[in-house]
N, C-alpha and C. Protein backbone atom coordinates (compact mmCIF):
# COMPACT_ATOMS: atom_id res chain seq x y z
N UNK A 1 190.81 -55.41 -16.62
CA UNK A 1 191.74 -55.54 -15.51
C UNK A 1 191.18 -54.81 -14.30
N UNK A 2 191.36 -55.40 -13.17
CA UNK A 2 190.84 -54.76 -11.97
C UNK A 2 191.88 -53.85 -11.37
N UNK A 3 191.40 -52.75 -10.79
CA UNK A 3 192.30 -51.77 -10.20
C UNK A 3 192.78 -52.21 -8.84
N UNK A 4 193.70 -51.46 -8.30
CA UNK A 4 194.25 -51.78 -6.99
C UNK A 4 193.16 -51.75 -5.93
N UNK A 5 193.10 -52.82 -5.14
CA UNK A 5 192.13 -52.89 -4.06
C UNK A 5 190.72 -53.24 -4.52
N UNK A 6 190.57 -53.55 -5.81
CA UNK A 6 189.25 -53.89 -6.32
C UNK A 6 189.17 -55.38 -6.58
N UNK A 7 188.08 -55.98 -6.17
CA UNK A 7 187.88 -57.40 -6.42
C UNK A 7 187.26 -57.60 -7.79
N UNK A 8 187.15 -58.85 -8.17
CA UNK A 8 186.48 -59.16 -9.42
C UNK A 8 185.00 -58.83 -9.27
N UNK A 9 184.31 -58.77 -10.37
CA UNK A 9 182.87 -58.48 -10.33
C UNK A 9 182.14 -59.55 -9.51
N UNK A 10 182.56 -60.81 -9.63
CA UNK A 10 181.95 -61.88 -8.84
C UNK A 10 182.18 -61.70 -7.35
N UNK A 11 183.41 -61.31 -6.97
CA UNK A 11 183.71 -61.06 -5.56
C UNK A 11 182.91 -59.87 -5.05
N UNK A 12 182.84 -58.83 -5.87
CA UNK A 12 182.05 -57.65 -5.49
C UNK A 12 180.58 -58.01 -5.32
N UNK A 13 180.05 -58.81 -6.25
CA UNK A 13 178.64 -59.19 -6.18
C UNK A 13 178.35 -59.97 -4.90
N UNK A 14 179.25 -60.88 -4.54
CA UNK A 14 179.06 -61.66 -3.32
C UNK A 14 179.05 -60.75 -2.09
N UNK A 15 179.95 -59.78 -2.06
CA UNK A 15 180.01 -58.85 -0.92
C UNK A 15 178.80 -57.93 -0.90
N UNK A 16 178.33 -57.52 -2.07
CA UNK A 16 177.14 -56.66 -2.14
C UNK A 16 175.92 -57.44 -1.65
N UNK A 17 175.77 -58.69 -2.08
CA UNK A 17 174.64 -59.51 -1.62
C UNK A 17 174.70 -59.73 -0.11
N UNK A 18 175.89 -59.94 0.41
CA UNK A 18 176.06 -60.09 1.86
C UNK A 18 175.66 -58.80 2.58
N UNK A 19 176.06 -57.65 2.04
CA UNK A 19 175.71 -56.36 2.64
C UNK A 19 174.21 -56.12 2.57
N UNK A 20 173.58 -56.50 1.46
CA UNK A 20 172.13 -56.36 1.34
C UNK A 20 171.44 -57.24 2.39
N UNK A 21 171.94 -58.46 2.57
CA UNK A 21 171.40 -59.35 3.60
C UNK A 21 171.56 -58.75 4.99
N UNK A 22 172.71 -58.14 5.23
CA UNK A 22 172.94 -57.49 6.53
C UNK A 22 171.90 -56.39 6.74
N UNK A 23 171.63 -55.61 5.70
CA UNK A 23 170.62 -54.55 5.82
C UNK A 23 169.25 -55.14 6.14
N UNK A 24 168.86 -56.20 5.44
CA UNK A 24 167.55 -56.79 5.65
C UNK A 24 167.39 -57.36 7.06
N UNK A 25 168.49 -57.72 7.69
CA UNK A 25 168.45 -58.29 9.04
C UNK A 25 168.59 -57.26 10.14
N UNK A 26 169.13 -56.08 9.80
CA UNK A 26 169.37 -55.07 10.83
C UNK A 26 168.61 -53.77 10.61
N UNK A 27 168.20 -53.51 9.38
CA UNK A 27 167.57 -52.25 8.99
C UNK A 27 168.52 -51.07 9.22
N UNK A 28 169.81 -51.31 9.16
CA UNK A 28 170.83 -50.28 9.34
C UNK A 28 171.55 -50.06 8.02
N UNK A 29 171.07 -49.10 7.24
CA UNK A 29 171.60 -48.87 5.91
C UNK A 29 173.07 -48.46 5.94
N UNK A 30 173.47 -47.56 6.82
CA UNK A 30 174.85 -47.09 6.81
C UNK A 30 175.82 -48.22 7.18
N UNK A 31 175.46 -49.05 8.15
CA UNK A 31 176.32 -50.18 8.54
C UNK A 31 176.40 -51.20 7.41
N UNK A 32 175.29 -51.42 6.73
CA UNK A 32 175.29 -52.37 5.60
C UNK A 32 176.13 -51.82 4.46
N UNK A 33 176.00 -50.55 4.18
CA UNK A 33 176.76 -49.91 3.10
C UNK A 33 178.26 -50.04 3.36
N UNK A 34 178.67 -49.91 4.60
CA UNK A 34 180.09 -50.01 4.95
C UNK A 34 180.64 -51.41 4.68
N UNK A 35 179.77 -52.41 4.58
CA UNK A 35 180.19 -53.78 4.30
C UNK A 35 180.33 -54.05 2.81
N UNK A 36 179.82 -53.16 2.00
CA UNK A 36 179.92 -53.32 0.55
C UNK A 36 181.31 -52.88 0.08
N UNK A 37 181.76 -53.36 -1.08
CA UNK A 37 183.04 -52.88 -1.62
C UNK A 37 183.01 -51.36 -1.77
N UNK A 38 184.13 -50.72 -1.46
CA UNK A 38 184.20 -49.25 -1.45
C UNK A 38 183.69 -48.63 -2.74
N UNK A 39 184.03 -49.19 -3.86
CA UNK A 39 183.62 -48.57 -5.14
C UNK A 39 182.11 -48.63 -5.38
N UNK A 40 181.41 -49.50 -4.65
CA UNK A 40 179.96 -49.62 -4.81
C UNK A 40 179.19 -48.89 -3.70
N UNK A 41 179.87 -48.39 -2.71
CA UNK A 41 179.18 -47.74 -1.59
C UNK A 41 178.36 -46.52 -1.98
N UNK A 42 178.84 -45.68 -2.90
CA UNK A 42 178.03 -44.50 -3.26
C UNK A 42 176.65 -44.84 -3.84
N UNK A 43 176.54 -46.01 -4.47
CA UNK A 43 175.24 -46.37 -5.06
C UNK A 43 174.60 -47.57 -4.36
N UNK A 44 175.07 -47.89 -3.16
CA UNK A 44 174.59 -49.09 -2.47
C UNK A 44 173.09 -49.04 -2.19
N UNK A 45 172.58 -47.91 -1.75
CA UNK A 45 171.15 -47.82 -1.43
C UNK A 45 170.30 -48.10 -2.67
N UNK A 46 170.70 -47.58 -3.81
CA UNK A 46 169.93 -47.86 -5.03
C UNK A 46 170.13 -49.30 -5.48
N UNK A 47 171.30 -49.89 -5.22
CA UNK A 47 171.50 -51.31 -5.52
C UNK A 47 170.53 -52.17 -4.69
N UNK A 48 170.34 -51.80 -3.44
CA UNK A 48 169.39 -52.51 -2.58
C UNK A 48 167.98 -52.46 -3.17
N UNK A 49 167.57 -51.27 -3.58
CA UNK A 49 166.23 -51.11 -4.16
C UNK A 49 166.09 -51.93 -5.44
N UNK A 50 167.08 -51.81 -6.32
CA UNK A 50 167.02 -52.54 -7.60
C UNK A 50 167.05 -54.04 -7.40
N UNK A 51 167.85 -54.51 -6.46
CA UNK A 51 167.90 -55.94 -6.17
C UNK A 51 166.53 -56.41 -5.67
N UNK A 52 165.94 -55.63 -4.76
CA UNK A 52 164.62 -55.98 -4.23
C UNK A 52 163.57 -56.04 -5.32
N UNK A 53 163.60 -55.08 -6.25
CA UNK A 53 162.65 -55.09 -7.37
C UNK A 53 162.87 -56.30 -8.27
N UNK A 54 164.13 -56.64 -8.52
CA UNK A 54 164.44 -57.78 -9.38
C UNK A 54 163.95 -59.09 -8.75
N UNK A 55 164.14 -59.23 -7.44
CA UNK A 55 163.67 -60.43 -6.75
C UNK A 55 162.14 -60.50 -6.79
N UNK A 56 161.48 -59.36 -6.53
CA UNK A 56 160.00 -59.34 -6.55
C UNK A 56 159.47 -59.67 -7.94
N UNK A 57 160.16 -59.22 -8.97
CA UNK A 57 159.69 -59.49 -10.34
C UNK A 57 159.71 -60.98 -10.65
N UNK A 58 160.56 -61.74 -10.00
CA UNK A 58 160.60 -63.19 -10.22
C UNK A 58 159.52 -63.90 -9.41
N UNK A 59 158.88 -63.17 -8.48
CA UNK A 59 157.85 -63.79 -7.65
C UNK A 59 158.43 -64.65 -6.55
N UNK A 60 159.68 -64.41 -6.21
CA UNK A 60 160.35 -65.21 -5.20
C UNK A 60 160.84 -64.34 -4.05
N UNK A 61 161.34 -65.01 -3.03
CA UNK A 61 161.98 -64.35 -1.91
C UNK A 61 163.38 -64.93 -1.77
N UNK A 62 164.34 -64.10 -1.36
CA UNK A 62 165.63 -64.67 -1.01
C UNK A 62 165.58 -65.01 0.48
N UNK A 63 166.62 -65.62 1.01
CA UNK A 63 166.62 -66.10 2.39
C UNK A 63 166.31 -64.97 3.37
N UNK A 64 166.98 -63.83 3.21
CA UNK A 64 166.79 -62.72 4.15
C UNK A 64 165.41 -62.08 4.02
N UNK A 65 164.78 -62.21 2.85
CA UNK A 65 163.43 -61.66 2.67
C UNK A 65 162.41 -62.36 3.55
N UNK A 66 162.64 -63.63 3.87
CA UNK A 66 161.66 -64.35 4.68
C UNK A 66 161.41 -63.62 6.00
N UNK A 67 162.48 -63.18 6.64
CA UNK A 67 162.34 -62.44 7.90
C UNK A 67 161.84 -61.02 7.66
N UNK A 68 162.46 -60.36 6.71
CA UNK A 68 162.14 -58.96 6.43
C UNK A 68 160.66 -58.83 6.04
N UNK A 69 160.19 -59.68 5.14
CA UNK A 69 158.80 -59.60 4.67
C UNK A 69 157.83 -60.02 5.76
N UNK A 70 158.23 -60.97 6.61
CA UNK A 70 157.38 -61.36 7.76
C UNK A 70 157.17 -60.15 8.67
N UNK A 71 158.26 -59.48 8.99
CA UNK A 71 158.16 -58.29 9.85
C UNK A 71 157.28 -57.23 9.20
N UNK A 72 157.47 -57.00 7.90
CA UNK A 72 156.67 -56.00 7.20
C UNK A 72 155.19 -56.38 7.21
N UNK A 73 154.89 -57.65 6.99
CA UNK A 73 153.49 -58.10 7.00
C UNK A 73 152.86 -57.85 8.37
N UNK A 74 153.57 -58.24 9.42
CA UNK A 74 153.03 -58.05 10.77
C UNK A 74 152.88 -56.57 11.12
N UNK A 75 153.77 -55.76 10.60
CA UNK A 75 153.72 -54.33 10.90
C UNK A 75 152.60 -53.63 10.12
N UNK A 76 152.39 -54.03 8.88
CA UNK A 76 151.49 -53.29 8.00
C UNK A 76 150.09 -53.89 7.88
N UNK A 77 149.93 -55.17 8.18
CA UNK A 77 148.64 -55.84 7.99
C UNK A 77 148.03 -56.18 9.36
N UNK A 78 147.15 -55.33 9.82
CA UNK A 78 146.55 -55.47 11.15
C UNK A 78 145.83 -56.82 11.31
N UNK A 79 145.11 -57.25 10.27
CA UNK A 79 144.37 -58.52 10.35
C UNK A 79 145.34 -59.70 10.51
N UNK A 80 146.43 -59.70 9.77
CA UNK A 80 147.43 -60.77 9.89
C UNK A 80 148.07 -60.73 11.27
N UNK A 81 148.40 -59.53 11.74
CA UNK A 81 149.02 -59.41 13.06
C UNK A 81 148.06 -59.91 14.15
N UNK A 82 146.80 -59.50 14.08
CA UNK A 82 145.81 -59.94 15.07
C UNK A 82 145.66 -61.47 15.05
N UNK A 83 145.63 -62.04 13.84
CA UNK A 83 145.50 -63.49 13.73
C UNK A 83 146.66 -64.20 14.42
N UNK A 84 147.88 -63.79 14.10
CA UNK A 84 149.06 -64.47 14.65
C UNK A 84 149.25 -64.18 16.14
N UNK A 85 148.86 -63.00 16.58
CA UNK A 85 148.92 -62.73 18.02
C UNK A 85 147.95 -63.64 18.77
N UNK A 86 146.79 -63.88 18.19
CA UNK A 86 145.79 -64.75 18.82
C UNK A 86 146.13 -66.22 18.70
N UNK A 87 146.97 -66.55 17.75
CA UNK A 87 147.32 -67.96 17.49
C UNK A 87 148.25 -68.54 18.56
N UNK A 88 149.11 -67.71 19.12
CA UNK A 88 150.10 -68.20 20.08
C UNK A 88 149.91 -67.51 21.43
N UNK A 89 149.65 -68.29 22.45
CA UNK A 89 149.50 -67.74 23.79
C UNK A 89 150.85 -67.56 24.48
N UNK A 90 151.84 -68.33 24.06
CA UNK A 90 153.17 -68.28 24.65
C UNK A 90 154.20 -68.35 23.53
N UNK A 91 155.30 -67.66 23.72
CA UNK A 91 156.40 -67.69 22.75
C UNK A 91 157.67 -68.06 23.51
N UNK A 92 158.37 -69.08 23.01
CA UNK A 92 159.66 -69.50 23.56
C UNK A 92 160.72 -69.27 22.49
N UNK A 93 161.75 -68.55 22.85
CA UNK A 93 162.84 -68.26 21.93
C UNK A 93 164.14 -68.79 22.52
N UNK A 94 164.78 -69.70 21.80
CA UNK A 94 166.06 -70.24 22.23
C UNK A 94 167.17 -69.56 21.44
N UNK A 95 168.38 -69.58 21.97
CA UNK A 95 169.54 -68.94 21.33
C UNK A 95 169.27 -67.46 21.06
N UNK A 96 168.65 -66.80 22.02
CA UNK A 96 168.23 -65.41 21.85
C UNK A 96 169.41 -64.47 21.60
N UNK A 97 170.62 -64.86 21.99
CA UNK A 97 171.78 -64.00 21.75
C UNK A 97 172.06 -63.84 20.26
N UNK A 98 171.52 -64.72 19.43
CA UNK A 98 171.76 -64.64 17.99
C UNK A 98 170.62 -63.97 17.23
N UNK A 99 169.71 -63.33 17.96
CA UNK A 99 168.59 -62.65 17.31
C UNK A 99 169.08 -61.35 16.68
N UNK A 100 168.50 -61.00 15.56
CA UNK A 100 168.85 -59.73 14.92
C UNK A 100 167.67 -58.77 15.07
N UNK A 101 167.89 -57.49 14.76
CA UNK A 101 166.82 -56.51 14.98
C UNK A 101 165.51 -56.81 14.25
N UNK A 102 165.57 -57.38 13.05
CA UNK A 102 164.34 -57.69 12.33
C UNK A 102 163.58 -58.81 13.03
N UNK A 103 164.30 -59.84 13.49
CA UNK A 103 163.65 -60.91 14.24
C UNK A 103 163.06 -60.36 15.54
N UNK A 104 163.81 -59.50 16.22
CA UNK A 104 163.34 -58.92 17.47
C UNK A 104 162.03 -58.15 17.23
N UNK A 105 162.00 -57.34 16.18
CA UNK A 105 160.79 -56.57 15.88
C UNK A 105 159.63 -57.48 15.51
N UNK A 106 159.90 -58.58 14.78
CA UNK A 106 158.84 -59.53 14.44
C UNK A 106 158.27 -60.17 15.70
N UNK A 107 159.13 -60.52 16.64
CA UNK A 107 158.66 -61.10 17.91
C UNK A 107 157.82 -60.08 18.66
N UNK A 108 158.27 -58.84 18.68
CA UNK A 108 157.48 -57.79 19.35
C UNK A 108 156.10 -57.69 18.72
N UNK A 109 156.03 -57.76 17.40
CA UNK A 109 154.76 -57.67 16.70
C UNK A 109 153.89 -58.92 16.91
N UNK A 110 154.52 -60.07 17.10
CA UNK A 110 153.77 -61.30 17.34
C UNK A 110 153.20 -61.36 18.75
N UNK A 111 153.89 -60.75 19.67
CA UNK A 111 153.46 -60.84 21.07
C UNK A 111 152.38 -59.80 21.35
N UNK A 112 151.56 -60.13 22.29
CA UNK A 112 150.52 -59.19 22.73
C UNK A 112 150.41 -59.35 24.24
N UNK A 113 149.87 -58.35 24.88
CA UNK A 113 149.70 -58.43 26.34
C UNK A 113 148.96 -59.72 26.66
N UNK A 114 149.37 -60.46 27.62
CA UNK A 114 150.30 -60.17 28.71
C UNK A 114 151.76 -60.52 28.42
N UNK A 115 152.16 -60.63 27.19
CA UNK A 115 153.56 -60.86 26.81
C UNK A 115 154.14 -62.10 27.47
N UNK A 116 153.60 -63.24 27.13
CA UNK A 116 154.08 -64.51 27.65
C UNK A 116 155.25 -64.98 26.79
N UNK A 117 156.40 -64.35 26.99
CA UNK A 117 157.60 -64.67 26.21
C UNK A 117 158.67 -65.19 27.15
N UNK A 118 159.27 -66.30 26.76
CA UNK A 118 160.38 -66.88 27.52
C UNK A 118 161.56 -66.94 26.56
N UNK A 119 162.62 -66.24 26.86
CA UNK A 119 163.79 -66.18 25.99
C UNK A 119 164.99 -66.77 26.72
N UNK A 120 165.71 -67.62 26.02
CA UNK A 120 166.91 -68.26 26.58
C UNK A 120 168.09 -67.83 25.73
N UNK A 121 169.12 -67.32 26.38
CA UNK A 121 170.30 -66.92 25.62
C UNK A 121 171.45 -66.54 26.52
N UNK A 122 172.62 -66.51 25.94
CA UNK A 122 173.83 -66.12 26.65
C UNK A 122 174.58 -65.14 25.76
N UNK A 123 174.62 -63.88 26.18
CA UNK A 123 175.25 -62.85 25.35
C UNK A 123 176.72 -63.14 25.06
N UNK A 124 177.35 -63.98 25.85
CA UNK A 124 178.75 -64.33 25.61
C UNK A 124 178.93 -65.43 24.58
N UNK A 125 177.82 -65.97 24.07
CA UNK A 125 177.92 -67.03 23.07
C UNK A 125 177.40 -66.62 21.71
N UNK A 126 177.27 -65.33 21.45
CA UNK A 126 176.78 -64.85 20.17
C UNK A 126 177.80 -65.14 19.08
N UNK A 127 177.33 -65.70 17.96
CA UNK A 127 178.26 -66.04 16.87
C UNK A 127 177.80 -65.54 15.50
N UNK A 128 176.65 -64.88 15.42
CA UNK A 128 176.13 -64.49 14.11
C UNK A 128 176.17 -62.99 13.86
N UNK A 129 177.14 -62.30 14.40
CA UNK A 129 177.27 -60.86 14.16
C UNK A 129 177.44 -60.54 12.69
N UNK A 130 178.10 -61.42 11.93
CA UNK A 130 178.29 -61.19 10.50
C UNK A 130 176.97 -61.17 9.76
N UNK A 131 175.93 -61.77 10.36
CA UNK A 131 174.61 -61.81 9.74
C UNK A 131 173.65 -60.82 10.38
N UNK A 132 174.19 -60.01 11.30
CA UNK A 132 173.37 -58.94 11.88
C UNK A 132 172.83 -59.22 13.26
N UNK A 133 173.19 -60.35 13.87
CA UNK A 133 172.68 -60.60 15.22
C UNK A 133 173.27 -59.57 16.18
N UNK A 134 172.48 -59.22 17.18
CA UNK A 134 172.91 -58.23 18.15
C UNK A 134 172.56 -58.72 19.55
N UNK A 135 173.57 -59.23 20.27
CA UNK A 135 173.30 -59.72 21.63
C UNK A 135 172.72 -58.65 22.54
N UNK A 136 172.87 -57.37 22.16
CA UNK A 136 172.29 -56.28 22.96
C UNK A 136 170.77 -56.43 23.06
N UNK A 137 170.18 -57.20 22.15
CA UNK A 137 168.73 -57.42 22.20
C UNK A 137 168.33 -58.10 23.51
N UNK A 138 169.25 -58.85 24.13
CA UNK A 138 168.94 -59.45 25.44
C UNK A 138 168.64 -58.37 26.47
N UNK A 139 169.47 -57.35 26.51
CA UNK A 139 169.25 -56.25 27.47
C UNK A 139 167.99 -55.47 27.09
N UNK A 140 167.82 -55.26 25.80
CA UNK A 140 166.63 -54.55 25.31
C UNK A 140 165.37 -55.32 25.72
N UNK A 141 165.41 -56.63 25.55
CA UNK A 141 164.28 -57.49 25.93
C UNK A 141 163.97 -57.36 27.41
N UNK A 142 165.02 -57.45 28.23
CA UNK A 142 164.83 -57.36 29.68
C UNK A 142 164.20 -56.03 30.05
N UNK A 143 164.65 -54.97 29.43
CA UNK A 143 164.14 -53.64 29.72
C UNK A 143 162.72 -53.44 29.19
N UNK A 144 162.48 -53.78 27.92
CA UNK A 144 161.18 -53.51 27.31
C UNK A 144 160.05 -54.35 27.92
N UNK A 145 160.38 -55.55 28.33
CA UNK A 145 159.34 -56.43 28.85
C UNK A 145 159.40 -56.58 30.37
N UNK A 146 160.27 -55.81 31.01
CA UNK A 146 160.47 -55.90 32.45
C UNK A 146 160.64 -57.37 32.83
N UNK A 147 161.49 -58.05 32.05
CA UNK A 147 161.68 -59.48 32.20
C UNK A 147 162.59 -59.79 33.39
N UNK A 148 162.32 -60.89 34.01
CA UNK A 148 163.16 -61.36 35.11
C UNK A 148 164.25 -62.25 34.52
N UNK A 149 165.46 -62.06 35.00
CA UNK A 149 166.60 -62.83 34.51
C UNK A 149 166.91 -63.96 35.48
N UNK A 150 167.04 -65.15 34.94
CA UNK A 150 167.46 -66.31 35.72
C UNK A 150 168.84 -66.72 35.19
N UNK A 151 169.83 -66.69 36.03
CA UNK A 151 171.19 -67.02 35.60
C UNK A 151 171.51 -68.47 35.92
N UNK A 152 171.84 -69.22 34.90
CA UNK A 152 172.30 -70.59 35.08
C UNK A 152 173.82 -70.51 35.13
N UNK A 153 174.35 -70.52 36.32
CA UNK A 153 175.77 -70.21 36.49
C UNK A 153 176.66 -71.43 36.74
N UNK A 154 176.08 -72.60 36.76
CA UNK A 154 176.86 -73.80 37.01
C UNK A 154 177.19 -74.50 35.69
N UNK A 155 178.46 -74.73 35.45
CA UNK A 155 178.91 -75.41 34.24
C UNK A 155 179.20 -76.86 34.60
N UNK A 156 178.43 -77.77 34.03
CA UNK A 156 178.60 -79.19 34.33
C UNK A 156 179.49 -79.90 33.32
N UNK A 157 179.89 -79.22 32.26
CA UNK A 157 180.66 -79.85 31.20
C UNK A 157 182.16 -79.71 31.35
N UNK A 158 182.61 -78.59 31.90
CA UNK A 158 184.03 -78.26 31.85
C UNK A 158 184.68 -78.30 33.23
N UNK A 159 185.96 -78.57 33.22
CA UNK A 159 186.76 -78.55 34.45
C UNK A 159 186.95 -77.09 34.88
N UNK A 160 187.26 -76.88 36.15
CA UNK A 160 187.41 -75.51 36.68
C UNK A 160 188.42 -74.66 35.89
N UNK A 161 189.50 -75.26 35.42
CA UNK A 161 190.51 -74.51 34.66
C UNK A 161 189.92 -73.94 33.37
N UNK A 162 189.08 -74.73 32.71
CA UNK A 162 188.45 -74.29 31.46
C UNK A 162 187.47 -73.16 31.73
N UNK A 163 186.68 -73.29 32.78
CA UNK A 163 185.72 -72.24 33.14
C UNK A 163 186.45 -70.94 33.45
N UNK A 164 187.54 -71.02 34.24
CA UNK A 164 188.31 -69.81 34.56
C UNK A 164 188.90 -69.18 33.31
N UNK A 165 189.44 -70.00 32.41
CA UNK A 165 190.03 -69.48 31.16
C UNK A 165 188.95 -68.82 30.30
N UNK A 166 187.79 -69.44 30.22
CA UNK A 166 186.72 -68.85 29.40
C UNK A 166 186.24 -67.53 30.00
N UNK A 167 186.17 -67.46 31.31
CA UNK A 167 185.78 -66.20 31.96
C UNK A 167 186.79 -65.09 31.68
N UNK A 168 188.08 -65.44 31.66
CA UNK A 168 189.11 -64.44 31.35
C UNK A 168 188.93 -63.88 29.95
N UNK A 169 188.48 -64.72 29.02
CA UNK A 169 188.25 -64.28 27.65
C UNK A 169 186.98 -63.45 27.54
N UNK A 170 185.87 -63.96 28.05
CA UNK A 170 184.59 -63.27 27.86
C UNK A 170 184.48 -61.99 28.67
N UNK A 171 185.27 -61.85 29.73
CA UNK A 171 185.22 -60.61 30.50
C UNK A 171 185.71 -59.42 29.69
N UNK A 172 186.36 -59.68 28.56
CA UNK A 172 186.81 -58.60 27.67
C UNK A 172 185.67 -58.08 26.80
N UNK A 173 184.57 -58.84 26.71
CA UNK A 173 183.42 -58.40 25.92
C UNK A 173 182.83 -57.13 26.53
N UNK A 174 182.52 -56.18 25.66
CA UNK A 174 181.86 -54.96 26.13
C UNK A 174 180.36 -55.16 26.12
N UNK A 175 179.66 -54.40 26.91
CA UNK A 175 178.20 -54.38 26.92
C UNK A 175 177.61 -55.79 27.07
N UNK A 176 177.93 -56.42 28.16
CA UNK A 176 177.42 -57.76 28.43
C UNK A 176 176.84 -57.79 29.84
N UNK A 177 176.01 -58.79 30.08
CA UNK A 177 175.53 -59.01 31.44
C UNK A 177 176.71 -59.51 32.27
N UNK A 178 176.88 -58.94 33.44
CA UNK A 178 177.92 -59.43 34.34
C UNK A 178 177.45 -60.73 34.96
N UNK A 179 178.30 -61.72 34.92
CA UNK A 179 177.93 -63.00 35.49
C UNK A 179 179.18 -63.71 35.99
N UNK A 180 179.00 -64.47 37.02
CA UNK A 180 180.07 -65.29 37.57
C UNK A 180 179.68 -66.73 37.34
N UNK A 181 180.48 -67.45 36.59
CA UNK A 181 180.21 -68.86 36.31
C UNK A 181 181.12 -69.73 37.17
N UNK A 182 180.67 -70.93 37.45
CA UNK A 182 181.51 -71.83 38.22
C UNK A 182 181.36 -73.24 37.68
N UNK A 183 182.39 -74.01 37.86
CA UNK A 183 182.39 -75.40 37.42
C UNK A 183 181.82 -76.28 38.52
N UNK A 184 181.03 -77.25 38.13
CA UNK A 184 180.44 -78.18 39.11
C UNK A 184 181.53 -78.98 39.81
N UNK A 185 182.69 -79.12 39.16
CA UNK A 185 183.77 -79.93 39.73
C UNK A 185 184.55 -79.20 40.81
N UNK A 186 184.27 -77.93 41.06
CA UNK A 186 185.00 -77.19 42.10
C UNK A 186 184.53 -77.63 43.47
N UNK A 187 185.43 -77.58 44.47
CA UNK A 187 185.05 -77.98 45.84
C UNK A 187 183.81 -77.22 46.31
N UNK A 188 182.88 -77.92 46.88
CA UNK A 188 181.67 -77.29 47.41
C UNK A 188 180.56 -77.13 46.38
N UNK A 189 180.78 -77.61 45.15
CA UNK A 189 179.78 -77.45 44.10
C UNK A 189 179.17 -78.78 43.67
N UNK A 190 179.17 -79.74 44.47
CA UNK A 190 178.54 -81.01 44.06
C UNK A 190 179.45 -82.19 44.28
N UNK A 191 179.38 -83.14 43.36
CA UNK A 191 180.06 -84.41 43.58
C UNK A 191 181.52 -84.43 43.12
N UNK A 192 182.01 -83.34 42.55
CA UNK A 192 183.41 -83.28 42.15
C UNK A 192 183.71 -83.89 40.80
N UNK A 193 182.71 -84.27 40.03
CA UNK A 193 182.94 -84.79 38.70
C UNK A 193 182.81 -83.68 37.68
N UNK A 194 183.47 -83.83 36.56
CA UNK A 194 183.40 -82.80 35.52
C UNK A 194 182.75 -83.34 34.28
């Protein structure tokens, strides 16, 4: 019988695997541990290690390992890093608001001077926080690479009322780029079609 506030072993296992995935995508052990069921939090770090050993013993990778191991390879293997840095002269990243810290570090390791990186993203459209994405990486990117920001502020899809309503919602987001969006259908913004 399960105690009060305790899930079944299957439910706990699913939450533990999700927390392990969060750790592999963020490298934030304490935040990942907080996502695990309370009764497993005291031993979560050792669960992570044991799970990793069990996966390695099978000779396989789980989904989150693909990113984590890529980052580790680029960080630890100079020859592999040099090869991949030389392989790509330019890097284009779309949906950058959904990047997580492990992906960000892998991109940093892939890039080399003169850092020909073009990133496209909107911090107000981030949807993968449950998987460890951090829209703050947009600001980090701008700062670390002294990147120039180009704001696409014209919305051609929505009527002015929708744009105003969406701005009212997203202005509540903390730690975001300040931006003013406008609908193409507003007077003075084009042909008046939405």
